[in-house]
Protein backbone atom coordinates (compact mmCIF):
# COMPACT_ATOMS: atom_id res chain seq x y z
CA MET A 1 -31.51 21.03 -16.20
CA CYS A 2 -27.62 19.82 -16.07
CA PRO A 3 -25.35 22.28 -14.33
CA ASN A 4 -22.61 24.24 -16.28
CA PRO A 5 -19.58 22.07 -15.85
CA ARG A 6 -17.90 25.01 -16.13
CA ARG A 7 -19.14 26.34 -13.20
CA GLY A 8 -19.22 23.79 -10.65
CA ARG A 9 -17.15 19.87 -10.76
CA SER A 10 -19.56 17.81 -12.48
CA ILE A 11 -21.18 14.72 -10.56
CA GLY A 12 -22.75 13.50 -14.10
CA VAL A 13 -25.80 12.36 -14.97
CA LEU A 14 -27.26 8.75 -13.80
CA SER A 15 -29.98 6.74 -16.03
CA ALA A 16 -31.94 3.85 -14.36
CA VAL A 17 -29.75 1.82 -16.68
CA VAL A 18 -26.04 2.76 -15.98
CA ILE A 19 -25.42 4.07 -12.63
CA ALA A 20 -21.81 5.96 -13.11
CA VAL A 21 -20.66 9.29 -11.64
CA ALA A 22 -18.22 11.08 -13.34
CA ILE A 23 -15.54 12.33 -10.95
CA ALA A 24 -12.49 14.11 -12.34
CA ALA A 25 -13.26 12.40 -15.86
CA ALA A 26 -12.68 9.00 -14.28
CA PRO A 27 -15.89 7.35 -13.43
CA ALA A 28 -17.00 4.91 -10.92
CA THR A 29 -19.63 2.41 -11.22
CA LEU A 30 -21.48 1.88 -7.96
CA GLN A 31 -22.07 -1.91 -8.22
CA SER A 32 -18.64 -2.63 -8.62
CA GLN A 33 -17.47 -0.47 -5.52
CA ALA A 34 -16.52 -2.75 -2.38
CA PRO A 35 -17.57 -0.90 0.66
CA THR A 36 -14.97 1.10 2.71
CA PHE A 37 -14.64 3.29 5.64
CA ARG A 38 -12.28 6.11 4.89
CA ARG A 39 -9.69 6.83 7.25
CA SER A 40 -6.63 9.28 7.25
CA ILE A 41 -3.60 7.57 9.40
CA ASP A 42 -5.47 4.57 10.90
CA LEU A 43 -7.82 7.38 12.51
CA VAL A 44 -11.70 6.06 12.87
CA ASN A 45 -13.39 9.47 12.72
CA ILE A 46 -16.91 9.15 14.39
CA GLY A 47 -19.41 12.30 13.89
CA VAL A 48 -21.70 12.46 17.75
CA THR A 49 -24.76 14.42 17.98
CA VAL A 50 -25.75 14.75 21.55
CA ALA A 51 -29.34 15.82 22.54
CA GLY A 52 -32.13 15.88 25.66
CA ASP A 53 -35.54 16.33 25.54
CA ASN A 54 -37.13 17.91 22.62
CA ARG A 55 -34.18 17.64 20.68
CA ARG A 56 -32.47 20.07 23.00
CA LEU A 57 -28.56 19.48 21.78
CA VAL A 58 -25.95 19.38 24.20
CA THR A 59 -22.90 21.63 23.10
CA ASP A 60 -20.73 21.69 26.44
CA LEU A 61 -19.57 18.16 26.55
CA ARG A 62 -15.95 17.33 26.93
CA ALA A 63 -13.48 14.50 25.11
CA SER A 64 -13.45 13.05 29.16
CA ASP A 65 -17.45 12.97 28.60
CA PHE A 66 -16.90 10.63 26.52
CA VAL A 67 -16.26 6.65 26.16
CA VAL A 68 -16.19 4.73 22.69
CA TYR A 69 -16.18 1.55 22.48
CA GLU A 70 -15.44 -0.97 19.33
CA ASP A 71 -17.11 -4.25 19.28
CA GLY A 72 -17.74 -4.24 23.41
CA LYS A 73 -13.86 -2.52 24.34
CA PRO A 74 -13.19 0.87 25.09
CA GLN A 75 -10.72 2.62 23.02
CA GLN A 76 -8.71 5.45 23.89
CA ILE A 77 -9.91 8.69 22.52
CA SER A 78 -7.07 10.72 20.14
CA LEU A 79 -9.05 13.47 18.57
CA PHE A 80 -11.93 15.59 20.06
CA VAL A 81 -13.48 18.75 18.27
CA SER A 82 -16.80 20.27 19.40
CA GLY A 83 -19.25 21.49 16.44
CA LEU A 84 -18.28 25.02 18.15
CA ASP A 85 -15.05 24.47 17.57
CA ALA A 86 -12.59 25.35 14.69
CA GLY A 87 -12.30 21.43 13.34
CA PRO A 88 -12.02 19.41 10.08
CA PRO A 89 -13.36 20.75 6.79
CA LEU A 90 -17.00 21.12 6.16
CA HIS A 91 -18.48 19.12 3.09
CA VAL A 92 -22.08 20.00 2.35
CA GLY A 93 -24.22 18.16 -0.25
CA VAL A 94 -27.75 18.75 -0.49
CA LEU A 95 -30.15 16.20 -2.52
CA LEU A 96 -33.63 17.67 -3.98
CA ASP A 97 -36.14 15.72 -5.75
CA VAL A 98 -37.62 17.18 -8.73
CA SER A 99 -39.54 14.65 -10.08
CA GLY A 100 -43.20 15.31 -11.35
CA SER A 101 -45.10 15.31 -7.94
CA MET A 102 -43.12 18.42 -6.74
CA GLN A 103 -44.33 20.88 -9.38
CA ALA A 104 -46.81 22.66 -7.00
CA THR A 105 -44.08 23.06 -4.11
CA LEU A 106 -40.94 23.11 -6.18
CA ALA A 107 -40.51 27.37 -5.83
CA PHE A 108 -41.16 27.14 -1.91
CA THR A 109 -38.67 24.20 -1.37
CA GLN A 110 -36.05 26.33 -3.97
CA ALA A 111 -36.24 29.12 -1.93
CA ALA A 112 -35.55 26.71 1.83
CA VAL A 113 -32.86 25.22 0.34
CA ILE A 114 -31.30 28.37 -0.98
CA LYS A 115 -31.72 29.89 2.42
CA PHE A 116 -30.37 26.85 3.92
CA LEU A 117 -27.14 27.11 2.06
CA GLN A 118 -26.89 30.29 2.55
CA SER A 119 -26.60 29.46 5.95
CA LEU A 120 -23.05 27.82 5.95
CA PRO A 121 -20.37 30.06 4.46
CA ASP A 122 -17.77 27.89 6.59
CA ALA A 123 -18.60 25.01 4.50
CA VAL A 124 -15.34 24.26 2.18
CA ASP A 125 -17.68 23.12 -0.64
CA MET A 126 -21.46 22.16 -1.59
CA THR A 127 -22.26 19.38 -3.71
CA PHE A 128 -26.15 19.80 -5.25
CA ILE A 129 -27.54 16.71 -6.30
CA GLN A 130 -31.31 16.91 -8.23
CA PHE A 131 -33.18 13.74 -8.74
CA ALA A 132 -36.01 12.50 -10.93
CA SER A 133 -35.92 9.90 -13.85
CA GLN A 134 -32.20 11.12 -13.63
CA VAL A 135 -30.22 12.17 -11.08
CA ARG A 136 -27.72 14.96 -12.11
CA GLY A 137 -25.55 17.06 -10.15
CA ALA A 138 -21.89 19.26 -9.88
CA ARG A 139 -19.86 19.98 -6.70
CA TYR A 140 -19.55 24.32 -6.13
CA ALA A 141 -16.90 26.21 -3.98
CA GLN A 142 -17.56 28.44 -2.19
CA SER A 143 -16.76 31.29 -5.07
CA ASP A 144 -19.00 29.41 -6.81
CA PHE A 145 -21.85 30.15 -4.64
CA PRO A 146 -24.21 32.76 -7.16
CA HIS A 147 -23.94 29.73 -9.96
CA LEU A 148 -25.27 27.23 -7.69
CA ILE A 149 -27.98 29.29 -6.66
CA GLU A 150 -29.03 30.31 -9.96
CA ASP A 151 -28.93 26.36 -11.31
CA ILE A 152 -31.74 25.66 -8.11
CA ARG A 153 -33.61 28.85 -9.49
CA HIS A 154 -33.63 27.11 -12.78
CA LEU A 155 -34.88 23.56 -12.02
CA ARG A 156 -37.81 21.97 -13.41
CA ALA A 157 -40.09 19.25 -11.83
CA ASP A 158 -40.84 16.40 -14.14
CA GLY A 159 -40.33 12.26 -14.06
CA GLU A 160 -40.02 9.60 -11.37
CA THR A 161 -38.11 9.04 -8.64
CA ALA A 162 -34.72 8.02 -8.66
CA LEU A 163 -33.91 8.20 -5.01
CA TYR A 164 -31.52 5.57 -3.69
CA ASP A 165 -29.59 6.05 -7.43
CA ALA A 166 -28.86 10.08 -6.05
CA ILE A 167 -27.38 8.97 -2.69
CA GLY A 168 -25.41 6.51 -4.02
CA ALA A 169 -24.38 9.44 -6.74
CA TYR A 170 -23.60 11.57 -3.57
CA LEU A 171 -21.60 8.52 -2.17
CA ASP A 172 -19.33 8.65 -4.49
CA GLY A 173 -18.77 11.73 -5.25
CA ALA A 174 -17.89 12.13 -1.43
CA ASP A 175 -14.95 9.54 -1.22
CA ASP A 176 -12.49 11.84 -2.15
CA GLN A 177 -13.65 14.28 0.55
CA ASP A 178 -11.26 14.52 3.49
CA GLY A 179 -13.29 16.29 6.74
CA ARG A 180 -16.80 16.34 8.10
CA LYS A 181 -19.67 15.20 5.54
CA VAL A 182 -23.37 16.70 5.97
CA MET A 183 -25.66 15.18 3.47
CA VAL A 184 -29.41 16.94 3.23
CA LEU A 185 -31.84 14.77 1.41
CA TYR A 186 -35.64 16.13 0.82
CA THR A 187 -38.37 13.72 -1.22
CA ASP A 188 -41.94 13.98 -1.23
CA GLY A 189 -42.17 10.14 -2.68
CA ALA A 190 -40.86 7.07 -2.55
CA ASP A 191 -38.19 5.47 -5.07
CA THR A 192 -39.34 4.51 -8.34
CA HIS A 193 -37.07 4.71 -10.88
CA SER A 194 -33.47 3.38 -9.15
CA SER A 195 -31.08 0.69 -10.49
CA LEU A 196 -29.54 0.69 -6.99
CA SER A 197 -31.29 -1.22 -4.38
CA PHE A 198 -32.56 -0.64 -0.77
CA LYS A 199 -30.73 -3.30 0.56
CA LYS A 200 -27.22 -1.87 -1.30
CA LEU A 201 -27.94 1.34 -0.41
CA MET A 202 -27.95 0.50 3.19
CA LYS A 203 -24.71 -1.63 2.84
CA ARG A 204 -22.81 1.75 1.33
CA LEU A 205 -24.36 4.18 3.80
CA LYS A 206 -22.70 2.11 6.18
CA ALA A 207 -19.43 2.18 4.47
CA SER A 208 -19.34 5.87 3.94
CA ASP A 209 -18.61 8.55 6.92
CA ALA A 210 -21.30 11.23 5.60
CA THR A 211 -24.17 11.93 8.28
CA VAL A 212 -27.20 12.06 6.62
CA TYR A 213 -30.70 14.19 7.72
CA ALA A 214 -33.74 13.37 5.38
CA ILE A 215 -36.83 15.08 5.16
CA GLY A 216 -39.79 13.35 3.84
CA ALA A 217 -42.80 15.40 2.94
CA PHE A 218 -45.57 12.43 2.24
CA GLY A 219 -48.79 14.33 4.10
CA ASP A 220 -50.71 13.30 0.68
CA ARG A 221 -49.70 9.41 0.63
CA PHE A 222 -51.82 6.61 1.61
CA ALA A 223 -50.95 5.25 5.41
CA SER A 224 -49.06 2.23 4.49
CA ALA A 225 -47.10 3.74 1.84
CA GLU A 226 -46.38 6.58 4.23
CA THR A 227 -45.65 4.44 6.91
CA THR A 228 -43.23 2.26 4.73
CA GLN A 229 -41.90 5.35 3.30
CA ARG A 230 -40.93 7.11 6.71
CA GLY A 231 -39.41 3.53 7.58
CA GLU A 232 -37.03 3.71 4.91
CA LEU A 233 -35.64 7.53 5.40
CA ALA A 234 -35.45 6.97 8.99
CA LYS A 235 -33.02 3.93 8.50
CA ILE A 236 -31.00 5.78 6.13
CA ALA A 237 -30.24 8.58 8.49
CA GLU A 238 -29.86 6.30 11.60
CA ALA A 239 -27.57 4.14 9.84
CA THR A 240 -24.79 7.66 9.53
CA GLY A 241 -26.06 8.83 13.13
CA GLY A 242 -28.51 11.74 11.37
CA ALA A 243 -31.77 12.22 11.75
CA ALA A 244 -34.99 11.84 9.70
CA PHE A 245 -37.74 14.69 9.82
CA PHE A 246 -41.13 14.99 8.16
CA PRO A 247 -43.14 18.35 7.70
CA ASN A 248 -46.61 18.59 7.48
CA GLY A 249 -46.13 20.86 4.67
CA VAL A 250 -43.70 23.22 2.67
CA GLN A 251 -44.81 25.94 5.45
CA ASP A 252 -42.53 23.65 8.01
CA LEU A 253 -39.27 23.55 5.62
CA ASP A 254 -37.54 26.79 7.12
CA PRO A 255 -37.77 25.69 10.44
CA ILE A 256 -36.51 22.26 9.85
CA TYR A 257 -33.76 23.13 7.71
CA ALA A 258 -32.77 25.42 10.74
CA GLN A 259 -33.22 22.56 13.02
CA VAL A 260 -30.70 20.83 10.54
CA LEU A 261 -27.93 23.92 10.72
CA ARG A 262 -28.39 23.68 14.63
CA GLU A 263 -27.41 20.00 14.63
CA VAL A 264 -24.61 20.84 12.15
CA ARG A 265 -22.97 23.38 14.01
CA ALA A 266 -23.72 20.82 17.34
CA GLN A 267 -21.87 17.90 15.95
CA TYR A 268 -18.96 16.42 18.19
CA THR A 269 -16.06 14.99 16.01
CA ILE A 270 -14.69 12.05 17.83
CA GLY A 271 -11.76 9.84 16.36
CA TYR A 272 -9.58 7.18 17.80
CA VAL A 273 -7.05 4.56 16.43
CA SER A 274 -8.66 1.15 16.64
CA SER A 275 -6.87 -1.09 19.51
CA ASN A 276 -7.61 -4.21 16.92
CA GLU A 277 -4.64 -4.04 13.97
CA LYS A 278 -6.95 -6.18 11.81
CA THR A 279 -7.61 -4.69 7.96
CA ASP A 280 -9.84 -7.60 7.23
CA GLY A 281 -12.69 -5.83 5.63
CA ALA A 282 -15.03 -7.28 8.82
CA TRP A 283 -17.78 -4.97 10.11
CA ARG A 284 -16.47 -3.28 13.63
CA LYS A 285 -19.40 -2.20 15.69
CA VAL A 286 -19.19 0.92 17.71
CA ASP A 287 -20.66 2.48 20.54
CA VAL A 288 -20.53 5.92 21.87
CA LYS A 289 -22.01 6.52 26.20
CA ILE A 290 -21.63 9.67 27.95
CA THR A 291 -20.00 9.38 31.56
CA ARG A 292 -21.21 12.65 32.85
CA VAL A 293 -23.90 11.61 36.08
CA ASP A 294 -26.67 13.11 33.64
CA GLY A 295 -25.93 10.84 30.85
CA LYS A 296 -28.55 8.20 31.00
CA ALA A 297 -31.24 11.11 30.58
CA LEU A 298 -29.07 12.30 27.10
CA HIS A 299 -29.46 10.57 23.92
CA VAL A 300 -26.51 9.68 21.95
CA ARG A 301 -26.58 9.81 17.83
CA ALA A 302 -23.74 7.97 15.89
CA ARG A 303 -22.71 6.14 13.59
CA LYS A 304 -23.15 2.21 14.37
CA GLY A 305 -19.85 0.90 12.83
CA TYR A 306 -17.47 0.92 9.88
CA TYR A 307 -15.58 -1.80 8.19
CA ALA A 308 -12.24 -2.12 8.48
CA THR A 309 -10.42 -1.59 5.32
CA PRO A 310 -8.19 -4.74 4.01
């Protein structure tokens, strides 16, 4: 089922042959897009999550508690917003696997996704993408939330799994959004139907400024296949400063979505103007460290770098 285009801003339909995303009637092809890092007035924005033991989130840090290095050189922090403060506009994306293997658990998964989205009343908009053999999605404003819920409830499970294409579609749609971008992905299987390769997807993820939280339910897979699938989802999330979760079953989805929500609320936004004035499209490595005395006991998750946009 493809969401009614009158209700949401269409993200389009993607097949394994043609990967195109319809945004405001202007199609964009994933393969032809050079990876870039979106900036506002040359400001490099990094989403940062800090946690202690047992994923206990740390929310009381100040700008003076952080130091940012770009290619080994310290940078001057010019923007700092705590997740608890009113910060940049929040854009949320949810990607849901509706392939045939989801048939038995789809109803529970739908309920968990709806509950999660209902907990984000401050999001400017919500992008919902369903994927199986094809990828379909739309962007919804808060005023269209009831229509989004209706569309989620009418999903049906069938087909294969175009996981990489779905993520690529979301990244294309998020390119025109300014502010914080959070994507939550749920899948119960490996990619079996995408045209976009994992290698190209990882390059696109590194070029984006979205934070990805991946949820992978692989409980009934062979051990070797499950290890590979877990590793891929972990790489997808870690490349963006996000995290990957692996529930034992659908009964664990609600607490995992609750943890993702806490992480979204606890994320810091740090911005700086790079001391390197070259705009050569090269990769810039970024390290975010804690200067507080107990910093060594804290775990920092943030994007690993960005491409300097020509």
